[in-house]
Amino acid sequence: MAKIRTYVAAGAVLTAATLMLYRFGLSEDAREQLRGAARSVRDAYGRVEDVLSSGGSARVRPEDLPNRRASEAQWEALGL
């Protein structure tokens, strides 16, 4: 239990220090650049999530594979 309390306290101190640095340690231009970077990451994550959730490329049927017909013709030529 003491270990968990230590981690929670360390997390709280780190969060407070980060907020103080953001508020008092950065200029308005630096804060705007940081917000812009965060928006850029959020937008990129959203685009990747949209592409992956569509699942269009994950639904490949065996008969749609490009070399399927050629392979079947070769097996038939071999008599198998």
N, C-alpha and C. Protein backbone atom coordinates (compact mmCIF):
# COMPACT_ATOMS: atom_id res chain seq x y z
N MET A 1 0.82 -1.19 0.00
CA MET A 1 0.00 0.00 0.00
C MET A 1 0.86 1.25 0.00
N ALA A 2 1.98 1.20 0.70
CA ALA A 2 2.88 2.36 0.76
C ALA A 2 3.49 2.63 -0.62
N LYS A 3 3.73 1.57 -1.37
CA LYS A 3 4.31 1.73 -2.70
C LYS A 3 3.34 2.47 -3.62
N ILE A 4 2.07 2.11 -3.53
CA ILE A 4 1.06 2.77 -4.35
C ILE A 4 0.96 4.24 -3.97
N ARG A 5 0.96 4.51 -2.67
CA ARG A 5 0.90 5.88 -2.19
C ARG A 5 2.08 6.68 -2.69
N THR A 6 3.26 6.09 -2.74
CA THR A 6 4.46 6.75 -3.23
C THR A 6 4.30 7.10 -4.71
N TYR A 7 3.78 6.16 -5.50
CA TYR A 7 3.58 6.41 -6.93
C TYR A 7 2.54 7.51 -7.17
N VAL A 8 1.47 7.49 -6.40
CA VAL A 8 0.44 8.52 -6.55
C VAL A 8 1.00 9.88 -6.17
N ALA A 9 1.76 9.95 -5.08
CA ALA A 9 2.35 11.23 -4.65
C ALA A 9 3.35 11.73 -5.69
N ALA A 10 4.16 10.83 -6.23
CA ALA A 10 5.13 11.23 -7.25
C ALA A 10 4.42 11.71 -8.50
N GLY A 11 3.34 11.06 -8.88
CA GLY A 11 2.57 11.49 -10.04
C GLY A 11 1.94 12.86 -9.81
N ALA A 12 1.44 13.10 -8.61
CA ALA A 12 0.84 14.39 -8.29
C ALA A 12 1.88 15.50 -8.32
N VAL A 13 3.06 15.24 -7.78
CA VAL A 13 4.14 16.24 -7.79
C VAL A 13 4.58 16.52 -9.22
N LEU A 14 4.72 15.49 -10.02
CA LEU A 14 5.12 15.66 -11.41
C LEU A 14 4.07 16.45 -12.20
N THR A 15 2.81 16.15 -11.97
CA THR A 15 1.73 16.88 -12.64
C THR A 15 1.73 18.35 -12.23
N ALA A 16 1.88 18.61 -10.94
CA ALA A 16 1.91 20.00 -10.47
C ALA A 16 3.10 20.76 -11.04
N ALA A 17 4.26 20.11 -11.08
CA ALA A 17 5.45 20.75 -11.63
C ALA A 17 5.27 21.05 -13.12
N THR A 18 4.65 20.12 -13.85
CA THR A 18 4.42 20.32 -15.28
C THR A 18 3.46 21.48 -15.51
N LEU A 19 2.40 21.55 -14.71
CA LEU A 19 1.45 22.65 -14.85
C LEU A 19 2.08 23.99 -14.51
N MET A 20 2.91 24.03 -13.48
CA MET A 20 3.59 25.28 -13.10
C MET A 20 4.56 25.71 -14.21
N LEU A 21 5.28 24.76 -14.76
CA LEU A 21 6.20 25.07 -15.84
C LEU A 21 5.44 25.59 -17.06
N TYR A 22 4.33 24.95 -17.38
CA TYR A 22 3.53 25.38 -18.53
C TYR A 22 2.99 26.79 -18.31
N ARG A 23 2.47 27.04 -17.12
CA ARG A 23 1.83 28.32 -16.85
C ARG A 23 2.83 29.46 -16.70
N PHE A 24 3.91 29.24 -15.95
CA PHE A 24 4.82 30.33 -15.62
C PHE A 24 6.17 30.26 -16.34
N GLY A 25 6.51 29.11 -16.89
CA GLY A 25 7.83 28.96 -17.49
C GLY A 25 7.86 29.15 -19.00
N LEU A 26 6.70 29.12 -19.63
CA LEU A 26 6.66 29.24 -21.08
C LEU A 26 6.04 30.57 -21.50
N SER A 27 6.55 31.11 -22.59
CA SER A 27 5.94 32.33 -23.13
C SER A 27 4.65 31.96 -23.85
N GLU A 28 3.85 32.95 -24.20
CA GLU A 28 2.59 32.69 -24.90
C GLU A 28 2.84 32.03 -26.26
N ASP A 29 3.91 32.44 -26.94
CA ASP A 29 4.24 31.80 -28.23
C ASP A 29 4.59 30.33 -28.05
N ALA A 30 5.36 30.03 -27.02
CA ALA A 30 5.75 28.65 -26.77
C ALA A 30 4.53 27.81 -26.41
N ARG A 31 3.61 28.37 -25.63
CA ARG A 31 2.38 27.64 -25.28
C ARG A 31 1.53 27.39 -26.53
N GLU A 32 1.46 28.38 -27.42
CA GLU A 32 0.68 28.21 -28.65
C GLU A 32 1.31 27.14 -29.54
N GLN A 33 2.63 27.10 -29.61
CA GLN A 33 3.29 26.06 -30.40
C GLN A 33 3.05 24.68 -29.78
N LEU A 34 3.06 24.60 -28.48
CA LEU A 34 2.80 23.34 -27.80
C LEU A 34 1.36 22.88 -28.04
N ARG A 35 0.42 23.81 -27.98
CA ARG A 35 -0.97 23.45 -28.28
C ARG A 35 -1.12 23.02 -29.74
N GLY A 36 -0.42 23.69 -30.65
CA GLY A 36 -0.47 23.30 -32.06
C GLY A 36 0.09 21.91 -32.28
N ALA A 37 1.17 21.59 -31.60
CA ALA A 37 1.76 20.25 -31.71
C ALA A 37 0.79 19.20 -31.17
N ALA A 38 0.13 19.51 -30.07
CA ALA A 38 -0.84 18.57 -29.50
C ALA A 38 -2.01 18.37 -30.46
N ARG A 39 -2.49 19.44 -31.10
CA ARG A 39 -3.57 19.31 -32.08
C ARG A 39 -3.13 18.46 -33.26
N SER A 40 -1.90 18.65 -33.70
CA SER A 40 -1.37 17.89 -34.83
C SER A 40 -1.31 16.40 -34.50
N VAL A 41 -0.85 16.07 -33.31
CA VAL A 41 -0.79 14.66 -32.90
C VAL A 41 -2.20 14.08 -32.80
N ARG A 42 -3.14 14.84 -32.23
CA ARG A 42 -4.52 14.38 -32.09
C ARG A 42 -5.14 14.13 -33.47
N ASP A 43 -4.92 15.04 -34.41
CA ASP A 43 -5.48 14.88 -35.75
C ASP A 43 -4.87 13.68 -36.47
N ALA A 44 -3.56 13.50 -36.34
CA ALA A 44 -2.89 12.36 -36.96
C ALA A 44 -3.40 11.05 -36.37
N TYR A 45 -3.59 11.02 -35.06
CA TYR A 45 -4.11 9.82 -34.41
C TYR A 45 -5.52 9.51 -34.93
N GLY A 46 -6.32 10.55 -35.09
CA GLY A 46 -7.68 10.35 -35.61
C GLY A 46 -7.67 9.80 -37.02
N ARG A 47 -6.76 10.31 -37.87
CA ARG A 47 -6.69 9.79 -39.25
C ARG A 47 -6.25 8.33 -39.27
N VAL A 48 -5.26 7.99 -38.46
CA VAL A 48 -4.80 6.60 -38.40
C VAL A 48 -5.91 5.70 -37.88
N GLU A 49 -6.61 6.17 -36.86
CA GLU A 49 -7.71 5.38 -36.30
C GLU A 49 -8.81 5.15 -37.34
N ASP A 50 -9.12 6.17 -38.14
CA ASP A 50 -10.13 6.02 -39.19
C ASP A 50 -9.71 4.99 -40.23
N VAL A 51 -8.45 5.03 -40.62
CA VAL A 51 -7.96 4.08 -41.63
C VAL A 51 -7.98 2.66 -41.08
N LEU A 52 -7.55 2.49 -39.85
CA LEU A 52 -7.50 1.15 -39.28
C LEU A 52 -8.88 0.60 -38.93
N SER A 53 -9.79 1.46 -38.56
CA SER A 53 -11.11 0.97 -38.17
C SER A 53 -11.97 0.63 -39.38
N SER A 54 -11.64 1.17 -40.55
CA SER A 54 -12.43 0.84 -41.72
C SER A 54 -12.29 -0.63 -42.07
N GLY A 55 -11.12 -1.18 -41.87
CA GLY A 55 -10.92 -2.61 -42.06
C GLY A 55 -11.01 -3.08 -43.50
N GLY A 56 -11.03 -2.18 -44.45
CA GLY A 56 -11.15 -2.59 -45.85
C GLY A 56 -10.01 -3.46 -46.31
N SER A 57 -8.81 -3.15 -45.90
CA SER A 57 -7.66 -3.94 -46.35
C SER A 57 -7.54 -5.25 -45.59
N ALA A 58 -8.21 -5.38 -44.46
CA ALA A 58 -8.10 -6.60 -43.66
C ALA A 58 -9.04 -7.69 -44.17
N ARG A 59 -9.97 -7.33 -45.04
CA ARG A 59 -10.95 -8.30 -45.53
C ARG A 59 -10.54 -8.83 -46.90
N VAL A 60 -9.49 -9.60 -46.94
CA VAL A 60 -9.01 -10.18 -48.20
C VAL A 60 -9.48 -11.62 -48.26
N ARG A 61 -10.23 -11.91 -49.30
CA ARG A 61 -10.69 -13.28 -49.50
C ARG A 61 -9.63 -14.04 -50.29
N PRO A 62 -9.48 -15.32 -50.05
CA PRO A 62 -8.45 -16.10 -50.77
C PRO A 62 -8.61 -16.02 -52.28
N GLU A 63 -9.84 -15.96 -52.77
CA GLU A 63 -10.03 -15.91 -54.22
C GLU A 63 -9.65 -14.55 -54.81
N ASP A 64 -9.44 -13.55 -53.98
CA ASP A 64 -9.04 -12.23 -54.46
C ASP A 64 -7.53 -12.05 -54.54
N LEU A 65 -6.78 -13.04 -54.08
CA LEU A 65 -5.32 -12.90 -54.12
C LEU A 65 -4.84 -12.90 -55.57
N PRO A 66 -3.88 -12.06 -55.91
CA PRO A 66 -3.50 -11.87 -57.31
C PRO A 66 -2.95 -13.12 -58.00
N ASN A 67 -2.27 -13.96 -57.29
CA ASN A 67 -1.65 -15.12 -57.95
C ASN A 67 -2.47 -16.39 -57.76
N ARG A 68 -3.66 -16.29 -57.28
CA ARG A 68 -4.47 -17.47 -56.99
C ARG A 68 -4.78 -18.26 -58.26
N ARG A 69 -5.25 -17.57 -59.31
CA ARG A 69 -5.61 -18.26 -60.56
C ARG A 69 -4.39 -18.90 -61.21
N ALA A 70 -3.27 -18.20 -61.20
CA ALA A 70 -2.05 -18.75 -61.80
C ALA A 70 -1.60 -19.99 -61.05
N SER A 71 -1.67 -19.96 -59.73
CA SER A 71 -1.27 -21.12 -58.94
C SER A 71 -2.19 -22.31 -59.19
N GLU A 72 -3.49 -22.06 -59.26
CA GLU A 72 -4.42 -23.15 -59.53
C GLU A 72 -4.19 -23.74 -60.92
N ALA A 73 -3.87 -22.90 -61.92
CA ALA A 73 -3.59 -23.40 -63.25
C ALA A 73 -2.34 -24.27 -63.26
N GLN A 74 -1.34 -23.86 -62.51
CA GLN A 74 -0.11 -24.66 -62.43
C GLN A 74 -0.38 -26.01 -61.77
N TRP A 75 -1.19 -26.05 -60.72
CA TRP A 75 -1.52 -27.31 -60.06
C TRP A 75 -2.30 -28.21 -61.02
N GLU A 76 -3.19 -27.63 -61.78
CA GLU A 76 -3.95 -28.44 -62.75
C GLU A 76 -3.04 -28.98 -63.84
N ALA A 77 -2.06 -28.19 -64.27
CA ALA A 77 -1.12 -28.65 -65.31
C ALA A 77 -0.29 -29.81 -64.78
N LEU A 78 -0.02 -29.81 -63.50
CA LEU A 78 0.75 -30.91 -62.91
C LEU A 78 -0.12 -32.15 -62.66
N GLY A 79 -1.44 -31.98 -62.81
CA GLY A 79 -2.34 -33.11 -62.64
C GLY A 79 -2.72 -33.33 -61.19
N LEU A 80 -2.58 -32.33 -60.36
CA LEU A 80 -2.93 -32.48 -58.95
C LEU A 80 -4.16 -31.74 -58.59
